[in-house]
Amino acid sequence: MRGVVFVPLLGIGCVTTSVARLSPVKYAARPAQTSIAVYSSQQPTCDYTEIAIVKARRETWMVSHDAALDALRSKARKLGGDAVVRLTFDDSDAITGTVIRFNRDDCRE
């Protein structure tokens, strides 16, 4: 008898993101290896421009919060951001933050 392979967990790894743009300016995406800093209560000291509010939502409890945070960082890179500020977690398994772009290049370090 041949074994049947079941794939009951197709939804594993699913994180959806949504974006509400705050800036009319569209920035070039940052390279994939660019580090994206995350600030929850402490704010950066350098001046910055807010680009968008981004929400990353876990589609299943089997997806880690780290995966949702990685999706948030990835979306920030695609929007040309340098960091995410005002990070919050809500009861619907979502992480929300504001993507920012520093006004000076030396602030990204």
C-alpha atoms as a PDB file:
ATOM      1  CA  MET A   1       0.000   0.000   0.000  1.00  0.00           C
ATOM      2  CA  ARG A   2       1.342   3.388  -0.924  1.00  0.00           C
ATOM      3  CA  GLY A   3       1.674   6.015   1.724  1.00  0.00           C
ATOM      4  CA  VAL A   4      -0.404   9.132   1.359  1.00  0.00           C
ATOM      5  CA  VAL A   5       1.239  12.399   2.188  1.00  0.00           C
ATOM      6  CA  PHE A   6      -1.110  14.822   3.849  1.00  0.00           C
ATOM      7  CA  VAL A   7      -0.432  18.513   3.939  1.00  0.00           C
ATOM      8  CA  PRO A   8      -2.843  19.699   6.591  1.00  0.00           C
ATOM      9  CA  LEU A   9      -0.776  22.679   7.635  1.00  0.00           C
ATOM     10  CA  LEU A  10      -0.643  24.752   4.479  1.00  0.00           C
ATOM     11  CA  GLY A  11      -1.301  27.904   6.470  1.00  0.00           C
ATOM     12  CA  ILE A  12       1.877  27.670   8.535  1.00  0.00           C
ATOM     13  CA  GLY A  13       4.065  30.684   8.034  1.00  0.00           C
ATOM     14  CA  CYS A  14       1.294  32.973   6.864  1.00  0.00           C
ATOM     15  CA  VAL A  15       1.591  36.581   7.911  1.00  0.00           C
ATOM     16  CA  THR A  16      -0.367  39.283   6.130  1.00  0.00           C
ATOM     17  CA  THR A  17       0.670  42.905   6.120  1.00  0.00           C
ATOM     18  CA  SER A  18      -1.311  46.047   5.458  1.00  0.00           C
ATOM     19  CA  VAL A  19      -0.047  49.577   4.873  1.00  0.00           C
ATOM     20  CA  ALA A  20      -1.521  53.022   5.458  1.00  0.00           C
ATOM     21  CA  ARG A  21       0.782  55.540   3.770  1.00  0.00           C
ATOM     22  CA  LEU A  22       1.485  58.753   5.657  1.00  0.00           C
ATOM     23  CA  SER A  23       3.864  60.335   3.160  1.00  0.00           C
ATOM     24  CA  PRO A  24       3.073  61.059  -0.478  1.00  0.00           C
ATOM     25  CA  VAL A  25       6.773  60.516  -1.280  1.00  0.00           C
ATOM     26  CA  LYS A  26       7.665  57.022  -2.515  1.00  0.00           C
ATOM     27  CA  TYR A  27      11.179  55.982  -1.513  1.00  0.00           C
ATOM     28  CA  ALA A  28      13.369  53.358  -3.125  1.00  0.00           C
ATOM     29  CA  ALA A  29      13.379  50.039  -1.287  1.00  0.00           C
ATOM     30  CA  ARG A  30      16.285  49.306   1.025  1.00  0.00           C
ATOM     31  CA  PRO A  31      18.490  46.276   0.198  1.00  0.00           C
ATOM     32  CA  ALA A  32      17.384  42.944   1.719  1.00  0.00           C
ATOM     33  CA  GLN A  33      20.350  42.851   4.116  1.00  0.00           C
ATOM     34  CA  THR A  34      19.541  46.274   5.584  1.00  0.00           C
ATOM     35  CA  SER A  35      18.960  46.127   9.331  1.00  0.00           C
ATOM     36  CA  ILE A  36      15.666  47.665  10.449  1.00  0.00           C
ATOM     37  CA  ALA A  37      15.688  48.920  14.058  1.00  0.00           C
ATOM     38  CA  VAL A  38      12.503  48.565  16.100  1.00  0.00           C
ATOM     39  CA  TYR A  39      11.481  50.964  18.880  1.00  0.00           C
ATOM     40  CA  SER A  40       8.534  50.259  21.171  1.00  0.00           C
ATOM     41  CA  SER A  41       8.695  52.785  24.017  1.00  0.00           C
ATOM     42  CA  GLN A  42      11.999  54.573  23.407  1.00  0.00           C
ATOM     43  CA  GLN A  43      12.106  56.821  20.334  1.00  0.00           C
ATOM     44  CA  PRO A  44      15.120  57.600  18.141  1.00  0.00           C
ATOM     45  CA  THR A  45      16.913  60.866  18.886  1.00  0.00           C
ATOM     46  CA  CYS A  46      17.522  61.771  15.215  1.00  0.00           C
ATOM     47  CA  ASP A  47      14.968  63.626  13.127  1.00  0.00           C
ATOM     48  CA  TYR A  48      12.920  61.404  10.848  1.00  0.00           C
ATOM     49  CA  THR A  49      10.036  61.364   8.409  1.00  0.00           C
ATOM     50  CA  GLU A  50       7.072  59.065   8.946  1.00  0.00           C
ATOM     51  CA  ILE A  51       6.413  56.963   5.845  1.00  0.00           C
ATOM     52  CA  ALA A  52       3.557  54.631   6.747  1.00  0.00           C
ATOM     53  CA  ILE A  53       1.731  52.719   9.443  1.00  0.00           C
ATOM     54  CA  VAL A  54       2.199  48.996   8.891  1.00  0.00           C
ATOM     55  CA  LYS A  55       0.338  46.091  10.474  1.00  0.00           C
ATOM     56  CA  ALA A  56       1.574  42.496  10.349  1.00  0.00           C
ATOM     57  CA  ARG A  57      -1.058  39.935  11.340  1.00  0.00           C
ATOM     58  CA  ARG A  58      -0.446  36.273  12.125  1.00  0.00           C
ATOM     59  CA  GLU A  59      -2.980  34.165  10.244  1.00  0.00           C
ATOM     60  CA  THR A  60      -2.695  31.260  12.665  1.00  0.00           C
ATOM     61  CA  TRP A  61      -1.503  30.715  16.232  1.00  0.00           C
ATOM     62  CA  MET A  62       1.183  28.427  14.784  1.00  0.00           C
ATOM     63  CA  VAL A  63       3.037  31.429  13.359  1.00  0.00           C
ATOM     64  CA  SER A  64       5.429  33.028  15.822  1.00  0.00           C
ATOM     65  CA  HIS A  65       5.418  36.673  16.814  1.00  0.00           C
ATOM     66  CA  ASP A  66       9.001  36.745  15.505  1.00  0.00           C
ATOM     67  CA  ALA A  67       7.715  35.817  12.033  1.00  0.00           C
ATOM     68  CA  ALA A  68       5.219  38.690  12.205  1.00  0.00           C
ATOM     69  CA  LEU A  69       7.981  41.064  13.303  1.00  0.00           C
ATOM     70  CA  ASP A  70      10.178  39.850  10.418  1.00  0.00           C
ATOM     71  CA  ALA A  71       7.288  40.559   8.011  1.00  0.00           C
ATOM     72  CA  LEU A  72       6.954  44.057   9.482  1.00  0.00           C
ATOM     73  CA  ARG A  73      10.677  44.697   8.991  1.00  0.00           C
ATOM     74  CA  SER A  74      10.505  43.344   5.441  1.00  0.00           C
ATOM     75  CA  LYS A  75       7.633  45.685   4.588  1.00  0.00           C
ATOM     76  CA  ALA A  76       9.570  48.605   6.127  1.00  0.00           C
ATOM     77  CA  ARG A  77      12.527  47.792   3.842  1.00  0.00           C
ATOM     78  CA  LYS A  78      10.261  47.672   0.782  1.00  0.00           C
ATOM     79  CA  LEU A  79       8.856  51.087   1.708  1.00  0.00           C
ATOM     80  CA  GLY A  80      12.382  52.544   1.957  1.00  0.00           C
ATOM     81  CA  GLY A  81      12.281  52.822   5.743  1.00  0.00           C
ATOM     82  CA  ASP A  82      15.115  52.732   8.248  1.00  0.00           C
ATOM     83  CA  ALA A  83      13.238  51.765  11.410  1.00  0.00           C
ATOM     84  CA  VAL A  84       9.841  51.039  12.954  1.00  0.00           C
ATOM     85  CA  VAL A  85       8.677  53.140  15.926  1.00  0.00           C
ATOM     86  CA  ARG A  86       5.751  52.912  18.355  1.00  0.00           C
ATOM     87  CA  LEU A  87       5.539  49.128  18.035  1.00  0.00           C
ATOM     88  CA  THR A  88       2.362  47.683  19.563  1.00  0.00           C
ATOM     89  CA  PHE A  89       0.805  44.235  19.877  1.00  0.00           C
ATOM     90  CA  ASP A  90      -2.959  43.799  19.865  1.00  0.00           C
ATOM     91  CA  ASP A  91      -5.378  41.043  20.853  1.00  0.00           C
ATOM     92  CA  SER A  92      -5.920  39.908  17.258  1.00  0.00           C
ATOM     93  CA  ASP A  93      -2.342  38.606  16.883  1.00  0.00           C
ATOM     94  CA  ALA A  94      -1.197  41.704  15.020  1.00  0.00           C
ATOM     95  CA  ILE A  95       1.856  43.916  15.408  1.00  0.00           C
ATOM     96  CA  THR A  96       1.559  47.545  14.328  1.00  0.00           C
ATOM     97  CA  GLY A  97       4.238  50.193  13.951  1.00  0.00           C
ATOM     98  CA  THR A  98       5.132  53.376  12.111  1.00  0.00           C
ATOM     99  CA  VAL A  99       7.818  53.026   9.443  1.00  0.00           C
ATOM    100  CA  ILE A 100      10.257  55.936   9.470  1.00  0.00           C
ATOM    101  CA  ARG A 101      13.139  57.177   7.373  1.00  0.00           C
ATOM    102  CA  PHE A 102      15.922  59.114   9.056  1.00  0.00           C
ATOM    103  CA  ASN A 103      16.582  62.587   7.645  1.00  0.00           C
ATOM    104  CA  ARG A 104      20.371  62.106   7.975  1.00  0.00           C
ATOM    105  CA  ASP A 105      22.321  59.082   6.734  1.00  0.00           C
ATOM    106  CA  ASP A 106      24.527  58.954   9.852  1.00  0.00           C
ATOM    107  CA  CYS A 107      21.452  58.157  11.990  1.00  0.00           C
ATOM    108  CA  ARG A 108      21.042  54.751  10.361  1.00  0.00           C
ATOM    109  CA  GLU A 109      24.203  53.423  11.990  1.00  0.00           C
END
